[in-house]
N, C-alpha and C. Protein backbone atom coordinates (compact mmCIF):
# COMPACT_ATOMS: atom_id res chain seq x y z
N UNK A 1 -6.61 9.90 -3.48
CA UNK A 1 -5.98 9.01 -2.52
C UNK A 1 -5.92 7.59 -3.05
N UNK A 2 -6.96 7.17 -3.78
CA UNK A 2 -6.96 5.81 -4.33
C UNK A 2 -5.78 5.60 -5.27
N UNK A 3 -5.46 6.63 -6.05
CA UNK A 3 -4.35 6.52 -6.99
C UNK A 3 -3.03 6.30 -6.28
N UNK A 4 -2.82 7.01 -5.18
CA UNK A 4 -1.59 6.85 -4.40
C UNK A 4 -1.50 5.44 -3.84
N UNK A 5 -2.60 4.96 -3.29
CA UNK A 5 -2.61 3.63 -2.69
C UNK A 5 -2.39 2.57 -3.77
N UNK A 6 -3.03 2.75 -4.92
CA UNK A 6 -2.87 1.80 -6.03
C UNK A 6 -1.41 1.74 -6.47
N UNK A 7 -0.76 2.91 -6.60
CA UNK A 7 0.65 2.94 -7.00
C UNK A 7 1.53 2.26 -5.96
N UNK A 8 1.23 2.48 -4.68
CA UNK A 8 1.99 1.85 -3.61
C UNK A 8 1.81 0.34 -3.63
N UNK A 9 0.58 -0.11 -3.75
CA UNK A 9 0.29 -1.54 -3.74
C UNK A 9 0.93 -2.23 -4.94
N UNK A 10 1.02 -1.54 -6.06
CA UNK A 10 1.61 -2.12 -7.28
C UNK A 10 3.12 -1.90 -7.37
N UNK A 11 3.71 -1.28 -6.36
CA UNK A 11 5.14 -1.01 -6.39
C UNK A 11 5.95 -2.24 -5.99
N UNK A 12 7.26 -2.09 -6.04
CA UNK A 12 8.14 -3.20 -5.66
C UNK A 12 8.53 -3.17 -4.19
N UNK A 13 7.96 -2.27 -3.41
CA UNK A 13 8.25 -2.23 -1.98
C UNK A 13 7.60 -3.44 -1.32
N UNK A 14 8.37 -4.16 -0.56
CA UNK A 14 7.89 -5.39 0.08
C UNK A 14 6.75 -5.10 1.06
N UNK A 15 5.82 -6.01 1.13
CA UNK A 15 4.69 -5.90 2.06
C UNK A 15 5.17 -5.76 3.49
N UNK A 16 6.25 -6.47 3.82
CA UNK A 16 6.80 -6.41 5.17
C UNK A 16 7.21 -4.99 5.54
N UNK A 17 7.85 -4.29 4.61
CA UNK A 17 8.31 -2.92 4.87
C UNK A 17 7.12 -2.00 5.07
N UNK A 18 6.13 -2.10 4.19
CA UNK A 18 4.93 -1.26 4.32
C UNK A 18 4.26 -1.53 5.65
N UNK A 19 4.13 -2.80 6.00
CA UNK A 19 3.51 -3.20 7.26
C UNK A 19 4.26 -2.65 8.46
N UNK A 20 5.56 -2.82 8.44
CA UNK A 20 6.39 -2.40 9.57
C UNK A 20 6.31 -0.89 9.79
N UNK A 21 6.32 -0.13 8.70
CA UNK A 21 6.36 1.32 8.80
C UNK A 21 4.99 1.96 8.99
N UNK A 22 3.91 1.24 8.66
CA UNK A 22 2.58 1.82 8.79
C UNK A 22 1.77 1.23 9.95
N UNK A 23 2.16 0.04 10.39
CA UNK A 23 1.38 -0.63 11.43
C UNK A 23 0.19 -1.40 10.87
N UNK A 24 0.08 -1.45 9.56
CA UNK A 24 -1.01 -2.19 8.91
C UNK A 24 -0.57 -3.65 8.78
N UNK A 25 -1.47 -4.56 9.06
CA UNK A 25 -1.12 -5.98 9.01
C UNK A 25 -0.65 -6.36 7.61
N UNK A 26 0.37 -7.19 7.59
CA UNK A 26 0.93 -7.65 6.32
C UNK A 26 -0.11 -8.41 5.51
N UNK A 27 -1.00 -9.11 6.19
CA UNK A 27 -2.05 -9.86 5.48
C UNK A 27 -3.00 -8.92 4.75
N UNK A 28 -3.26 -7.75 5.32
CA UNK A 28 -4.13 -6.77 4.66
C UNK A 28 -3.48 -6.28 3.37
N UNK A 29 -2.19 -5.99 3.43
CA UNK A 29 -1.47 -5.53 2.25
C UNK A 29 -1.43 -6.63 1.19
N UNK A 30 -1.22 -7.86 1.63
CA UNK A 30 -1.21 -8.99 0.71
C UNK A 30 -2.56 -9.17 0.04
N UNK A 31 -3.64 -9.05 0.80
CA UNK A 31 -4.99 -9.20 0.23
C UNK A 31 -5.28 -8.07 -0.77
N UNK A 32 -4.78 -6.86 -0.49
CA UNK A 32 -4.93 -5.77 -1.44
C UNK A 32 -4.20 -6.09 -2.74
N UNK A 33 -2.99 -6.58 -2.61
CA UNK A 33 -2.17 -6.90 -3.79
C UNK A 33 -2.77 -8.03 -4.62
N UNK A 34 -3.44 -8.95 -3.97
CA UNK A 34 -4.07 -10.08 -4.68
C UNK A 34 -5.46 -9.74 -5.19
N UNK A 35 -5.96 -8.55 -4.85
CA UNK A 35 -7.29 -8.14 -5.30
C UNK A 35 -8.42 -8.73 -4.49
N UNK A 36 -8.12 -9.29 -3.33
CA UNK A 36 -9.15 -9.90 -2.50
C UNK A 36 -9.96 -8.85 -1.74
N UNK A 37 -9.36 -7.67 -1.51
CA UNK A 37 -10.11 -6.55 -0.97
C UNK A 37 -9.83 -5.34 -1.85
N UNK A 38 -10.81 -4.46 -1.96
CA UNK A 38 -10.69 -3.29 -2.81
C UNK A 38 -10.27 -2.09 -1.98
N UNK A 39 -9.57 -1.18 -2.63
CA UNK A 39 -9.11 0.03 -1.95
C UNK A 39 -10.28 0.78 -1.33
N UNK A 40 -11.40 0.83 -2.03
CA UNK A 40 -12.59 1.54 -1.54
C UNK A 40 -13.20 0.92 -0.29
N UNK A 41 -12.81 -0.29 0.05
CA UNK A 41 -13.35 -0.97 1.23
C UNK A 41 -12.44 -0.84 2.45
N UNK A 42 -11.31 -0.13 2.31
CA UNK A 42 -10.41 0.06 3.44
C UNK A 42 -11.02 1.02 4.45
N UNK A 43 -10.61 0.88 5.69
CA UNK A 43 -11.03 1.88 6.67
C UNK A 43 -10.31 3.17 6.36
N UNK A 44 -10.87 4.28 6.80
CA UNK A 44 -10.23 5.58 6.57
C UNK A 44 -8.85 5.62 7.19
N UNK A 45 -8.70 5.05 8.37
CA UNK A 45 -7.41 5.03 9.06
C UNK A 45 -6.36 4.30 8.23
N UNK A 46 -6.71 3.14 7.70
CA UNK A 46 -5.78 2.37 6.88
C UNK A 46 -5.42 3.12 5.60
N UNK A 47 -6.42 3.69 4.94
CA UNK A 47 -6.18 4.44 3.71
C UNK A 47 -5.26 5.64 3.97
N UNK A 48 -5.48 6.34 5.06
CA UNK A 48 -4.63 7.49 5.39
C UNK A 48 -3.19 7.06 5.67
N UNK A 49 -3.02 5.96 6.36
CA UNK A 49 -1.66 5.46 6.64
C UNK A 49 -0.94 5.09 5.35
N UNK A 50 -1.64 4.43 4.44
CA UNK A 50 -1.02 4.05 3.17
C UNK A 50 -0.70 5.28 2.31
N UNK A 51 -1.61 6.24 2.28
CA UNK A 51 -1.36 7.47 1.51
C UNK A 51 -0.19 8.25 2.10
N UNK A 52 -0.10 8.30 3.41
CA UNK A 52 1.02 8.99 4.06
C UNK A 52 2.34 8.28 3.77
N UNK A 53 2.32 6.96 3.83
CA UNK A 53 3.52 6.19 3.49
C UNK A 53 3.93 6.46 2.05
N UNK A 54 2.96 6.50 1.15
CA UNK A 54 3.24 6.82 -0.25
C UNK A 54 3.92 8.18 -0.36
N UNK A 55 3.36 9.19 0.29
CA UNK A 55 3.92 10.55 0.22
C UNK A 55 5.35 10.59 0.74
N UNK A 56 5.64 9.84 1.77
CA UNK A 56 6.97 9.84 2.36
C UNK A 56 7.98 9.02 1.55
N UNK A 57 7.51 8.13 0.69
CA UNK A 57 8.40 7.20 -0.01
C UNK A 57 8.25 7.23 -1.52
N UNK A 58 7.56 8.22 -2.07
CA UNK A 58 7.29 8.17 -3.51
C UNK A 58 8.56 8.20 -4.36
N UNK A 59 9.66 8.72 -3.84
CA UNK A 59 10.90 8.73 -4.60
C UNK A 59 11.44 7.32 -4.82
N UNK A 60 11.14 6.41 -3.91
CA UNK A 60 11.66 5.05 -4.07
C UNK A 60 10.66 4.06 -4.67
N UNK A 61 9.51 4.56 -5.08
CA UNK A 61 8.49 3.69 -5.69
C UNK A 61 8.85 3.43 -7.14
N UNK A 62 8.83 2.17 -7.50
CA UNK A 62 9.03 1.75 -8.89
C UNK A 62 7.96 0.71 -9.18
N UNK A 63 7.42 0.74 -10.37
CA UNK A 63 6.44 -0.31 -10.70
C UNK A 63 7.13 -1.67 -10.70
N UNK A 64 6.39 -2.73 -10.39
CA UNK A 64 7.00 -4.07 -10.39
C UNK A 64 7.45 -4.46 -11.78
N UNK A 65 8.48 -5.29 -11.83
CA UNK A 65 8.99 -5.80 -13.11
C UNK A 65 8.01 -6.84 -13.64
N UNK A 66 7.71 -6.77 -14.92
CA UNK A 66 6.79 -7.76 -15.51
C UNK A 66 7.54 -8.74 -16.36
């Protein structure tokens, strides 16, 4: 599950979209992306929502441009 969440957090999908479709606060997603909170410290509910979003959207996931 951590791998799915990591791929989602590192993708080019906007935090707003993830937030809107999962119900997770945009600030939480932003803090994950900035490394201020670790995936292992998420609540089970939040981790499940992110993993489910990943499963439903993995076809549109692309790594961010560097």
